[in-house]
Amino acid sequence: MITKAALMDAIALTNRGLLATELQKQVILAAIANLEDFNPTPRPVEASNLLDGNWRLLYTTSKALLNLDGLPLCKLGQIYQCIRVDTASVYNIAEIYGLPYLEGLISVAAKFEPVSGRRVQVKFERSIIGLQRLIEYNSPVTFIQQIEAGKKFPAIDFAIKSDKQQGWLDITYIDNDLRIGRGNEGSVFVLTKT
């Protein structure tokens, strides 16, 4: 049986997938598949106590996320996915670093709806893109509190037509501190609870 420690070792030096070689990707995907076979939570969507909280991305195959590192003069910082089960909300937050005082933030807020014991339908509602200083960003938690309070930010802040922008996510493994998901575009996500 592949352990969580073996998966963590495999992804340790890949910078969330940015530096993964083809061989490393194969090893990681095999480790993920083996770990998924031993998911201790058979119906992850119903395990709200495990699902709820702030998650930090450890590894992904998502080109949309990894390509953020290719922006001119920018480096991808931490990526968070914060789930609020009580409001069926999810917040994706990517910190972008580059020139001093020009640190950026790309965020998408969405609603999710369970469609099975392991799948949620996700409908994107709002995107916020701007400079961390102008937004007064200091942590995902306070940023989300401001969003939930209805704050408009001095940034590119716009509504997303959710009938056009939606997808699904299968939660294939979850325990107290590790979550693995597979998205509708074939991407894999490995996250740790913060």
N, C-alpha and C. Protein backbone atom coordinates (compact mmCIF):
# COMPACT_ATOMS: atom_id res chain seq x y z
N MET A 1 0.84 -1.19 0.00
CA MET A 1 0.00 0.00 0.00
C MET A 1 0.89 1.26 0.00
N ILE A 2 0.54 2.20 -0.85
CA ILE A 2 1.25 3.48 -0.89
C ILE A 2 0.76 4.32 0.29
N THR A 3 1.68 4.90 1.01
CA THR A 3 1.31 5.71 2.16
C THR A 3 1.27 7.19 1.78
N LYS A 4 0.65 7.97 2.66
CA LYS A 4 0.66 9.42 2.47
C LYS A 4 2.09 9.94 2.45
N ALA A 5 2.93 9.39 3.31
CA ALA A 5 4.33 9.84 3.37
C ALA A 5 5.02 9.61 2.04
N ALA A 6 4.74 8.49 1.38
CA ALA A 6 5.35 8.21 0.08
C ALA A 6 4.89 9.22 -0.96
N LEU A 7 3.61 9.59 -0.92
CA LEU A 7 3.10 10.60 -1.85
C LEU A 7 3.76 11.95 -1.56
N MET A 8 3.87 12.31 -0.29
CA MET A 8 4.50 13.59 0.07
C MET A 8 5.96 13.63 -0.40
N ASP A 9 6.66 12.51 -0.25
CA ASP A 9 8.05 12.43 -0.72
C ASP A 9 8.12 12.62 -2.23
N ALA A 10 7.16 12.00 -2.95
CA ALA A 10 7.17 12.07 -4.42
C ALA A 10 6.93 13.49 -4.93
N ILE A 11 6.08 14.26 -4.22
CA ILE A 11 5.77 15.61 -4.71
C ILE A 11 6.66 16.69 -4.10
N ALA A 12 7.50 16.31 -3.14
CA ALA A 12 8.26 17.28 -2.33
C ALA A 12 9.05 18.31 -3.15
N LEU A 13 9.74 17.90 -4.17
CA LEU A 13 10.63 18.82 -4.89
C LEU A 13 10.06 19.29 -6.23
N THR A 14 8.74 19.18 -6.40
CA THR A 14 8.14 19.52 -7.69
C THR A 14 7.53 20.92 -7.74
N ASN A 15 7.56 21.67 -6.63
CA ASN A 15 6.97 23.01 -6.58
C ASN A 15 5.54 22.98 -7.13
N ARG A 16 4.72 22.17 -6.53
CA ARG A 16 3.30 21.99 -6.86
C ARG A 16 3.05 21.44 -8.25
N GLY A 17 4.09 20.91 -8.86
CA GLY A 17 3.96 20.35 -10.20
C GLY A 17 4.71 21.16 -11.24
N LEU A 18 5.11 22.37 -10.90
CA LEU A 18 5.83 23.23 -11.85
C LEU A 18 7.14 22.61 -12.32
N LEU A 19 7.84 21.91 -11.43
CA LEU A 19 9.15 21.36 -11.75
C LEU A 19 9.13 19.85 -12.01
N ALA A 20 7.95 19.25 -12.03
CA ALA A 20 7.85 17.79 -12.18
C ALA A 20 8.27 17.33 -13.57
N THR A 21 9.16 16.35 -13.61
CA THR A 21 9.54 15.72 -14.87
C THR A 21 8.45 14.73 -15.26
N GLU A 22 8.50 14.25 -16.48
CA GLU A 22 7.50 13.26 -16.92
C GLU A 22 7.54 12.02 -16.03
N LEU A 23 8.74 11.57 -15.66
CA LEU A 23 8.86 10.39 -14.80
C LEU A 23 8.26 10.68 -13.42
N GLN A 24 8.56 11.86 -12.87
CA GLN A 24 7.98 12.21 -11.57
C GLN A 24 6.46 12.26 -11.64
N LYS A 25 5.92 12.82 -12.73
CA LYS A 25 4.46 12.89 -12.88
C LYS A 25 3.85 11.49 -12.87
N GLN A 26 4.49 10.55 -13.57
CA GLN A 26 3.99 9.17 -13.60
C GLN A 26 4.02 8.54 -12.22
N VAL A 27 5.11 8.74 -11.50
CA VAL A 27 5.25 8.20 -10.14
C VAL A 27 4.20 8.80 -9.21
N ILE A 28 4.01 10.11 -9.31
CA ILE A 28 3.03 10.81 -8.46
C ILE A 28 1.62 10.34 -8.77
N LEU A 29 1.27 10.26 -10.04
CA LEU A 29 -0.09 9.83 -10.41
C LEU A 29 -0.35 8.39 -9.97
N ALA A 30 0.66 7.54 -10.04
CA ALA A 30 0.51 6.16 -9.56
C ALA A 30 0.32 6.14 -8.04
N ALA A 31 1.09 6.97 -7.33
CA ALA A 31 0.96 7.04 -5.88
C ALA A 31 -0.42 7.57 -5.48
N ILE A 32 -0.92 8.57 -6.22
CA ILE A 32 -2.26 9.12 -5.96
C ILE A 32 -3.31 8.04 -6.17
N ALA A 33 -3.23 7.33 -7.30
CA ALA A 33 -4.22 6.29 -7.59
C ALA A 33 -4.21 5.20 -6.53
N ASN A 34 -3.02 4.82 -6.07
CA ASN A 34 -2.93 3.80 -5.02
C ASN A 34 -3.53 4.29 -3.71
N LEU A 35 -3.27 5.54 -3.36
CA LEU A 35 -3.82 6.11 -2.13
C LEU A 35 -5.34 6.22 -2.22
N GLU A 36 -5.85 6.59 -3.39
CA GLU A 36 -7.30 6.70 -3.59
C GLU A 36 -8.00 5.37 -3.32
N ASP A 37 -7.32 4.27 -3.63
CA ASP A 37 -7.90 2.94 -3.38
C ASP A 37 -8.14 2.69 -1.90
N PHE A 38 -7.45 3.44 -1.05
CA PHE A 38 -7.57 3.24 0.40
C PHE A 38 -8.19 4.47 1.08
N ASN A 39 -9.06 5.16 0.35
CA ASN A 39 -9.73 6.34 0.89
C ASN A 39 -10.49 5.96 2.17
N PRO A 40 -10.15 6.55 3.32
CA PRO A 40 -10.82 6.20 4.57
C PRO A 40 -12.22 6.78 4.70
N THR A 41 -12.62 7.63 3.74
CA THR A 41 -13.92 8.30 3.80
C THR A 41 -14.69 7.96 2.52
N PRO A 42 -15.57 6.94 2.58
CA PRO A 42 -16.22 6.47 1.36
C PRO A 42 -17.13 7.51 0.68
N ARG A 43 -17.71 8.43 1.44
CA ARG A 43 -18.58 9.47 0.86
C ARG A 43 -18.06 10.85 1.29
N PRO A 44 -16.97 11.29 0.66
CA PRO A 44 -16.28 12.51 1.09
C PRO A 44 -17.16 13.76 1.13
N VAL A 45 -18.09 13.89 0.19
CA VAL A 45 -18.92 15.09 0.13
C VAL A 45 -19.77 15.22 1.39
N GLU A 46 -20.12 14.09 1.98
CA GLU A 46 -20.96 14.12 3.19
C GLU A 46 -20.15 14.31 4.46
N ALA A 47 -18.84 14.27 4.37
CA ALA A 47 -17.96 14.44 5.54
C ALA A 47 -17.64 15.91 5.72
N SER A 48 -18.66 16.71 6.05
CA SER A 48 -18.48 18.16 6.09
C SER A 48 -17.43 18.59 7.11
N ASN A 49 -17.28 17.84 8.20
CA ASN A 49 -16.26 18.19 9.20
C ASN A 49 -14.85 18.08 8.64
N LEU A 50 -14.64 17.17 7.70
CA LEU A 50 -13.33 17.03 7.05
C LEU A 50 -13.17 18.03 5.91
N LEU A 51 -14.23 18.21 5.14
CA LEU A 51 -14.18 19.04 3.93
C LEU A 51 -14.04 20.52 4.24
N ASP A 52 -14.74 20.98 5.26
CA ASP A 52 -14.77 22.41 5.61
C ASP A 52 -13.39 22.88 6.07
N GLY A 53 -12.99 24.06 5.62
CA GLY A 53 -11.73 24.63 6.09
C GLY A 53 -10.90 25.19 4.95
N ASN A 54 -9.67 25.53 5.31
CA ASN A 54 -8.73 26.14 4.37
C ASN A 54 -7.69 25.10 3.95
N TRP A 55 -7.56 24.93 2.65
CA TRP A 55 -6.66 23.94 2.09
C TRP A 55 -5.61 24.64 1.25
N ARG A 56 -4.36 24.16 1.35
CA ARG A 56 -3.25 24.70 0.56
C ARG A 56 -2.83 23.66 -0.47
N LEU A 57 -2.67 24.10 -1.71
CA LEU A 57 -2.31 23.20 -2.80
C LEU A 57 -0.87 22.72 -2.67
N LEU A 58 -0.69 21.40 -2.74
CA LEU A 58 0.64 20.79 -2.70
C LEU A 58 1.10 20.36 -4.09
N TYR A 59 0.14 19.93 -4.93
CA TYR A 59 0.49 19.41 -6.25
C TYR A 59 -0.73 19.48 -7.15
N THR A 60 -0.50 19.80 -8.41
CA THR A 60 -1.58 19.75 -9.40
C THR A 60 -1.02 19.48 -10.79
N THR A 61 -1.90 19.00 -11.65
CA THR A 61 -1.58 18.88 -13.07
C THR A 61 -2.34 19.94 -13.87
N SER A 62 -3.06 20.83 -13.18
CA SER A 62 -3.88 21.86 -13.83
C SER A 62 -3.00 22.87 -14.57
N LYS A 63 -3.11 22.89 -15.88
CA LYS A 63 -2.34 23.84 -16.68
C LYS A 63 -2.77 25.27 -16.37
N ALA A 64 -4.08 25.49 -16.11
CA ALA A 64 -4.57 26.84 -15.82
C ALA A 64 -3.87 27.41 -14.59
N LEU A 65 -3.68 26.60 -13.56
CA LEU A 65 -2.98 27.07 -12.36
C LEU A 65 -1.48 27.19 -12.59
N LEU A 66 -0.88 26.17 -13.16
CA LEU A 66 0.57 26.17 -13.34
C LEU A 66 1.02 27.27 -14.30
N ASN A 67 0.17 27.62 -15.27
CA ASN A 67 0.54 28.67 -16.23
C ASN A 67 0.58 30.06 -15.60
N LEU A 68 -0.01 30.23 -14.41
CA LEU A 68 0.08 31.51 -13.71
C LEU A 68 1.53 31.86 -13.40
N ASP A 69 2.38 30.84 -13.29
CA ASP A 69 3.80 31.06 -13.01
C ASP A 69 4.52 31.65 -14.22
N GLY A 70 3.91 31.57 -15.39
CA GLY A 70 4.55 32.06 -16.61
C GLY A 70 4.26 33.51 -16.93
N LEU A 71 3.49 34.19 -16.07
CA LEU A 71 3.23 35.61 -16.31
C LEU A 71 4.54 36.39 -16.25
N PRO A 72 4.70 37.41 -17.08
CA PRO A 72 5.97 38.17 -17.08
C PRO A 72 6.29 38.75 -15.70
N LEU A 73 7.53 38.59 -15.28
CA LEU A 73 8.05 39.13 -14.02
C LEU A 73 7.32 38.60 -12.79
N CYS A 74 6.63 37.48 -12.92
CA CYS A 74 5.83 36.95 -11.81
C CYS A 74 6.21 35.52 -11.47
N LYS A 75 6.02 35.20 -10.20
CA LYS A 75 6.19 33.83 -9.71
C LYS A 75 4.94 33.47 -8.92
N LEU A 76 4.53 32.25 -9.07
CA LEU A 76 3.35 31.76 -8.38
C LEU A 76 3.68 31.51 -6.91
N GLY A 77 2.92 32.14 -6.03
CA GLY A 77 3.07 31.91 -4.59
C GLY A 77 2.15 30.77 -4.16
N GLN A 78 1.66 30.87 -2.94
CA GLN A 78 0.77 29.83 -2.42
C GLN A 78 -0.58 29.87 -3.14
N ILE A 79 -1.20 28.71 -3.23
CA ILE A 79 -2.54 28.60 -3.79
C ILE A 79 -3.41 27.94 -2.72
N TYR A 80 -4.55 28.56 -2.45
CA TYR A 80 -5.46 28.04 -1.44
C TYR A 80 -6.82 27.74 -2.05
N GLN A 81 -7.47 26.73 -1.47
CA GLN A 81 -8.88 26.48 -1.77
C GLN A 81 -9.57 26.41 -0.41
N CYS A 82 -10.43 27.36 -0.17
CA CYS A 82 -11.10 27.48 1.12
C CYS A 82 -12.57 27.10 0.95
N ILE A 83 -12.99 26.11 1.70
CA ILE A 83 -14.34 25.57 1.57
C ILE A 83 -15.16 25.94 2.79
N ARG A 84 -16.33 26.50 2.54
CA ARG A 84 -17.27 26.84 3.60
C ARG A 84 -18.53 26.01 3.37
N VAL A 85 -18.62 24.87 4.04
CA VAL A 85 -19.72 23.93 3.82
C VAL A 85 -21.06 24.56 4.17
N ASP A 86 -21.11 25.36 5.26
CA ASP A 86 -22.39 25.92 5.69
C ASP A 86 -23.03 26.84 4.66
N THR A 87 -22.23 27.46 3.79
CA THR A 87 -22.80 28.32 2.73
C THR A 87 -22.59 27.72 1.34
N ALA A 88 -22.10 26.49 1.28
CA ALA A 88 -21.81 25.80 0.00
C ALA A 88 -20.94 26.68 -0.90
N SER A 89 -19.93 27.33 -0.28
CA SER A 89 -19.05 28.24 -1.01
C SER A 89 -17.63 27.68 -1.07
N VAL A 90 -16.96 28.03 -2.16
CA VAL A 90 -15.55 27.68 -2.30
C VAL A 90 -14.83 28.89 -2.86
N TYR A 91 -13.64 29.15 -2.31
CA TYR A 91 -12.83 30.29 -2.72
C TYR A 91 -11.46 29.78 -3.14
N ASN A 92 -11.10 30.03 -4.39
CA ASN A 92 -9.77 29.69 -4.88
C ASN A 92 -8.94 30.97 -4.89
N ILE A 93 -7.78 30.93 -4.25
CA ILE A 93 -6.94 32.11 -4.11
C ILE A 93 -5.51 31.76 -4.50
N ALA A 94 -4.97 32.47 -5.49
CA ALA A 94 -3.58 32.29 -5.91
C ALA A 94 -2.82 33.57 -5.64
N GLU A 95 -1.75 33.45 -4.85
CA GLU A 95 -0.88 34.59 -4.56
C GLU A 95 0.21 34.66 -5.64
N ILE A 96 0.42 35.85 -6.18
CA ILE A 96 1.41 36.05 -7.23
C ILE A 96 2.48 37.01 -6.70
N TYR A 97 3.76 36.66 -6.91
CA TYR A 97 4.86 37.49 -6.44
C TYR A 97 5.73 37.91 -7.61
N GLY A 98 6.31 39.08 -7.51
CA GLY A 98 7.16 39.60 -8.57
C GLY A 98 7.94 40.77 -8.05
N LEU A 99 7.78 41.90 -8.71
CA LEU A 99 8.47 43.11 -8.30
C LEU A 99 7.96 43.57 -6.94
N PRO A 100 8.84 44.15 -6.12
CA PRO A 100 8.39 44.65 -4.80
C PRO A 100 7.19 45.59 -4.95
N TYR A 101 6.25 45.45 -4.05
CA TYR A 101 5.02 46.24 -3.99
C TYR A 101 4.02 45.91 -5.10
N LEU A 102 4.36 44.98 -5.97
CA LEU A 102 3.44 44.61 -7.04
C LEU A 102 2.95 43.17 -6.88
N GLU A 103 2.96 42.67 -5.64
CA GLU A 103 2.47 41.32 -5.41
C GLU A 103 0.98 41.29 -5.75
N GLY A 104 0.59 40.25 -6.45
CA GLY A 104 -0.78 40.17 -6.93
C GLY A 104 -1.58 39.07 -6.29
N LEU A 105 -2.85 39.05 -6.69
CA LEU A 105 -3.78 38.05 -6.17
C LEU A 105 -4.79 37.74 -7.27
N ILE A 106 -5.04 36.47 -7.48
CA ILE A 106 -6.08 36.04 -8.40
C ILE A 106 -7.02 35.14 -7.60
N SER A 107 -8.29 35.51 -7.57
CA SER A 107 -9.24 34.77 -6.76
C SER A 107 -10.53 34.52 -7.53
N VAL A 108 -11.12 33.37 -7.27
CA VAL A 108 -12.42 33.04 -7.85
C VAL A 108 -13.29 32.49 -6.74
N ALA A 109 -14.49 33.06 -6.63
CA ALA A 109 -15.47 32.57 -5.66
C ALA A 109 -16.52 31.76 -6.41
N ALA A 110 -16.96 30.66 -5.79
CA ALA A 110 -17.93 29.79 -6.45
C ALA A 110 -18.87 29.18 -5.42
N LYS A 111 -19.95 28.62 -5.91
CA LYS A 111 -20.87 27.84 -5.10
C LYS A 111 -20.74 26.39 -5.57
N PHE A 112 -20.94 25.47 -4.63
CA PHE A 112 -20.91 24.06 -5.03
C PHE A 112 -22.17 23.36 -4.57
N GLU A 113 -22.51 22.32 -5.31
CA GLU A 113 -23.70 21.54 -5.01
C GLU A 113 -23.34 20.05 -5.11
N PRO A 114 -23.56 19.30 -4.05
CA PRO A 114 -23.28 17.85 -4.12
C PRO A 114 -24.18 17.18 -5.15
N VAL A 115 -23.58 16.32 -5.97
CA VAL A 115 -24.38 15.54 -6.93
C VAL A 115 -24.23 14.04 -6.68
N SER A 116 -23.28 13.67 -5.82
CA SER A 116 -23.12 12.28 -5.40
C SER A 116 -22.30 12.29 -4.12
N GLY A 117 -21.97 11.12 -3.63
CA GLY A 117 -21.19 11.02 -2.41
C GLY A 117 -19.76 11.49 -2.55
N ARG A 118 -19.31 11.66 -3.80
CA ARG A 118 -17.94 12.13 -4.00
C ARG A 118 -17.80 13.24 -5.04
N ARG A 119 -18.89 13.62 -5.69
CA ARG A 119 -18.81 14.67 -6.73
C ARG A 119 -19.61 15.91 -6.33
N VAL A 120 -19.00 17.08 -6.61
CA VAL A 120 -19.71 18.34 -6.46
C VAL A 120 -19.71 19.07 -7.80
N GLN A 121 -20.82 19.71 -8.10
CA GLN A 121 -20.93 20.61 -9.24
C GLN A 121 -20.51 21.99 -8.75
N VAL A 122 -19.65 22.67 -9.50
CA VAL A 122 -19.13 23.97 -9.09
C VAL A 122 -19.57 25.02 -10.10
N LYS A 123 -20.15 26.12 -9.57
CA LYS A 123 -20.57 27.24 -10.42
C LYS A 123 -19.83 28.49 -9.96
N PHE A 124 -18.99 29.01 -10.85
CA PHE A 124 -18.18 30.17 -10.54
C PHE A 124 -19.03 31.43 -10.58
N GLU A 125 -18.83 32.33 -9.58
CA GLU A 125 -19.69 33.50 -9.45
C GLU A 125 -18.96 34.84 -9.52
N ARG A 126 -17.72 34.88 -9.04
CA ARG A 126 -17.03 36.17 -8.94
C ARG A 126 -15.53 35.97 -9.06
N SER A 127 -14.89 36.89 -9.74
CA SER A 127 -13.43 36.86 -9.86
C SER A 127 -12.87 38.19 -9.39
N ILE A 128 -11.76 38.12 -8.66
CA ILE A 128 -11.08 39.31 -8.16
C ILE A 128 -9.60 39.18 -8.51
N ILE A 129 -9.09 40.15 -9.28
CA ILE A 129 -7.70 40.15 -9.70
C ILE A 129 -7.12 41.52 -9.36
N GLY A 130 -6.07 41.56 -8.57
CA GLY A 130 -5.52 42.86 -8.23
C GLY A 130 -4.24 42.77 -7.43
N LEU A 131 -3.78 43.91 -6.97
CA LEU A 131 -2.57 43.99 -6.17
C LEU A 131 -2.91 43.74 -4.71
N GLN A 132 -2.12 42.91 -4.06
CA GLN A 132 -2.37 42.59 -2.66
C GLN A 132 -2.42 43.84 -1.79
N ARG A 133 -1.56 44.81 -2.05
CA ARG A 133 -1.53 46.03 -1.25
C ARG A 133 -2.83 46.81 -1.35
N LEU A 134 -3.35 46.95 -2.56
CA LEU A 134 -4.56 47.74 -2.76
C LEU A 134 -5.80 47.03 -2.21
N ILE A 135 -5.78 45.72 -2.28
CA ILE A 135 -6.90 44.93 -1.75
C ILE A 135 -6.81 44.85 -0.22
N GLU A 136 -5.61 45.16 0.30
CA GLU A 136 -5.31 45.00 1.73
C GLU A 136 -5.38 43.53 2.13
N TYR A 137 -4.83 42.70 1.26
CA TYR A 137 -4.81 41.25 1.48
C TYR A 137 -3.70 40.90 2.47
N ASN A 138 -4.05 40.14 3.51
CA ASN A 138 -3.01 39.63 4.41
C ASN A 138 -3.17 38.15 4.72
N SER A 139 -4.33 37.58 4.46
CA SER A 139 -4.52 36.14 4.63
C SER A 139 -5.80 35.71 3.92
N PRO A 140 -5.89 34.45 3.54
CA PRO A 140 -7.12 33.97 2.92
C PRO A 140 -8.35 34.17 3.82
N VAL A 141 -8.19 33.97 5.12
CA VAL A 141 -9.34 34.05 6.03
C VAL A 141 -9.95 35.45 6.05
N THR A 142 -9.13 36.49 6.24
CA THR A 142 -9.67 37.84 6.28
C THR A 142 -10.20 38.27 4.91
N PHE A 143 -9.56 37.84 3.85
CA PHE A 143 -10.01 38.15 2.49
C PHE A 143 -11.40 37.56 2.25
N ILE A 144 -11.60 36.32 2.64
CA ILE A 144 -12.90 35.67 2.47
C ILE A 144 -13.97 36.35 3.32
N GLN A 145 -13.61 36.74 4.53
CA GLN A 145 -14.57 37.47 5.37
C GLN A 145 -15.02 38.76 4.68
N GLN A 146 -14.10 39.44 4.02
CA GLN A 146 -14.44 40.67 3.30
C GLN A 146 -15.35 40.37 2.10
N ILE A 147 -15.06 39.30 1.38
CA ILE A 147 -15.91 38.90 0.25
C ILE A 147 -17.32 38.60 0.75
N GLU A 148 -17.40 37.79 1.83
CA GLU A 148 -18.70 37.40 2.36
C GLU A 148 -19.49 38.59 2.90
N ALA A 149 -18.78 39.65 3.31
CA ALA A 149 -19.45 40.86 3.80
C ALA A 149 -19.89 41.76 2.64
N GLY A 150 -19.57 41.35 1.41
CA GLY A 150 -20.02 42.10 0.23
C GLY A 150 -19.10 43.22 -0.20
N LYS A 151 -17.87 43.24 0.30
CA LYS A 151 -16.94 44.31 -0.03
C LYS A 151 -16.60 44.30 -1.52
N LYS A 152 -16.58 45.49 -2.11
CA LYS A 152 -16.06 45.66 -3.47
C LYS A 152 -14.61 46.10 -3.33
N PHE A 153 -13.73 45.52 -4.12
CA PHE A 153 -12.30 45.76 -3.98
C PHE A 153 -11.78 46.71 -5.06
N PRO A 154 -10.73 47.49 -4.75
CA PRO A 154 -10.08 48.30 -5.77
C PRO A 154 -9.20 47.39 -6.64
N ALA A 155 -9.88 46.64 -7.47
CA ALA A 155 -9.22 45.62 -8.31
C ALA A 155 -10.14 45.32 -9.48
N ILE A 156 -9.73 44.42 -10.32
CA ILE A 156 -10.63 43.91 -11.35
C ILE A 156 -11.54 42.94 -10.61
N ASP A 157 -12.77 43.34 -10.38
CA ASP A 157 -13.71 42.62 -9.52
C ASP A 157 -15.01 42.49 -10.30
N PHE A 158 -15.29 41.29 -10.77
CA PHE A 158 -16.46 41.15 -11.64
C PHE A 158 -17.21 39.84 -11.39
N ALA A 159 -18.49 39.90 -11.72
CA ALA A 159 -19.35 38.71 -11.61
C ALA A 159 -19.08 37.80 -12.81
N ILE A 160 -19.23 36.52 -12.57
CA ILE A 160 -19.06 35.52 -13.62
C ILE A 160 -20.42 34.89 -13.88
N LYS A 161 -20.78 34.77 -15.13
CA LYS A 161 -22.05 34.12 -15.47
C LYS A 161 -21.89 32.63 -15.22
N SER A 162 -22.51 32.17 -14.13
CA SER A 162 -22.27 30.79 -13.70
C SER A 162 -22.85 29.74 -14.65
N ASP A 163 -23.81 30.14 -15.51
CA ASP A 163 -24.31 29.16 -16.47
C ASP A 163 -23.27 28.84 -17.54
N LYS A 164 -22.30 29.76 -17.71
CA LYS A 164 -21.23 29.54 -18.70
C LYS A 164 -19.97 28.95 -18.05
N GLN A 165 -19.71 29.33 -16.80
CA GLN A 165 -18.48 28.90 -16.12
C GLN A 165 -18.80 27.95 -14.99
N GLN A 166 -18.76 26.68 -15.30
CA GLN A 166 -18.99 25.69 -14.26
C GLN A 166 -18.22 24.43 -14.58
N GLY A 167 -18.12 23.57 -13.59
CA GLY A 167 -17.42 22.32 -13.76
C GLY A 167 -17.78 21.40 -12.61
N TRP A 168 -17.07 20.31 -12.50
CA TRP A 168 -17.29 19.40 -11.38
C TRP A 168 -15.95 18.94 -10.83
N LEU A 169 -16.01 18.46 -9.59
CA LEU A 169 -14.83 17.95 -8.92
C LEU A 169 -15.21 16.68 -8.17
N ASP A 170 -14.44 15.64 -8.38
CA ASP A 170 -14.59 14.41 -7.59
C ASP A 170 -13.56 14.45 -6.47
N ILE A 171 -14.02 14.27 -5.25
CA ILE A 171 -13.12 14.16 -4.10
C ILE A 171 -12.84 12.68 -3.94
N THR A 172 -11.63 12.29 -4.26
CA THR A 172 -11.30 10.87 -4.33
C THR A 172 -10.58 10.35 -3.10
N TYR A 173 -10.14 11.29 -2.24
CA TYR A 173 -9.50 10.91 -0.98
C TYR A 173 -9.62 12.09 -0.03
N ILE A 174 -10.00 11.81 1.23
CA ILE A 174 -9.97 12.86 2.24
C ILE A 174 -9.80 12.23 3.61
N ASP A 175 -8.95 12.87 4.41
CA ASP A 175 -8.81 12.51 5.82
C ASP A 175 -8.64 13.82 6.59
N ASN A 176 -8.10 13.78 7.77
CA ASN A 176 -8.00 14.99 8.60
C ASN A 176 -7.12 16.09 8.01
N ASP A 177 -6.13 15.71 7.19
CA ASP A 177 -5.21 16.74 6.70
C ASP A 177 -4.81 16.61 5.23
N LEU A 178 -5.40 15.69 4.49
CA LEU A 178 -5.06 15.51 3.08
C LEU A 178 -6.33 15.33 2.26
N ARG A 179 -6.38 16.01 1.11
CA ARG A 179 -7.52 15.86 0.20
C ARG A 179 -6.99 15.73 -1.21
N ILE A 180 -7.54 14.79 -1.96
CA ILE A 180 -7.19 14.59 -3.37
C ILE A 180 -8.47 14.74 -4.17
N GLY A 181 -8.38 15.50 -5.26
CA GLY A 181 -9.54 15.68 -6.12
C GLY A 181 -9.16 15.55 -7.58
N ARG A 182 -10.18 15.22 -8.38
CA ARG A 182 -10.00 15.11 -9.83
C ARG A 182 -11.09 15.95 -10.49
N GLY A 183 -10.66 16.89 -11.35
CA GLY A 183 -11.59 17.82 -11.96
C GLY A 183 -12.08 17.40 -13.33
N ASN A 184 -13.09 18.12 -13.83
CA ASN A 184 -13.72 17.79 -15.10
C ASN A 184 -12.78 17.98 -16.29
N GLU A 185 -11.69 18.70 -16.13
CA GLU A 185 -10.74 18.87 -17.24
C GLU A 185 -9.59 17.88 -17.16
N GLY A 186 -9.72 16.87 -16.29
CA GLY A 186 -8.70 15.84 -16.16
C GLY A 186 -7.57 16.17 -15.21
N SER A 187 -7.67 17.32 -14.53
CA SER A 187 -6.62 17.72 -13.60
C SER A 187 -6.75 17.01 -12.27
N VAL A 188 -5.59 16.83 -11.62
CA VAL A 188 -5.52 16.23 -10.29
C VAL A 188 -5.04 17.31 -9.34
N PHE A 189 -5.60 17.29 -8.11
CA PHE A 189 -5.24 18.26 -7.08
C PHE A 189 -4.94 17.53 -5.78
N VAL A 190 -3.82 17.85 -5.15
CA VAL A 190 -3.47 17.31 -3.83
C VAL A 190 -3.33 18.52 -2.90
N LEU A 191 -4.10 18.52 -1.81
CA LEU A 191 -4.11 19.66 -0.90
C LEU A 191 -3.96 19.21 0.53
N THR A 192 -3.41 20.10 1.35
CA THR A 192 -3.28 19.83 2.78
C THR A 192 -4.05 20.88 3.55
N LYS A 193 -4.65 20.49 4.66
CA LYS A 193 -5.41 21.43 5.47
C LYS A 193 -4.45 22.34 6.24
N THR A 194 -4.77 23.63 6.27
CA THR A 194 -3.89 24.58 6.96
C THR A 194 -4.43 24.93 8.34
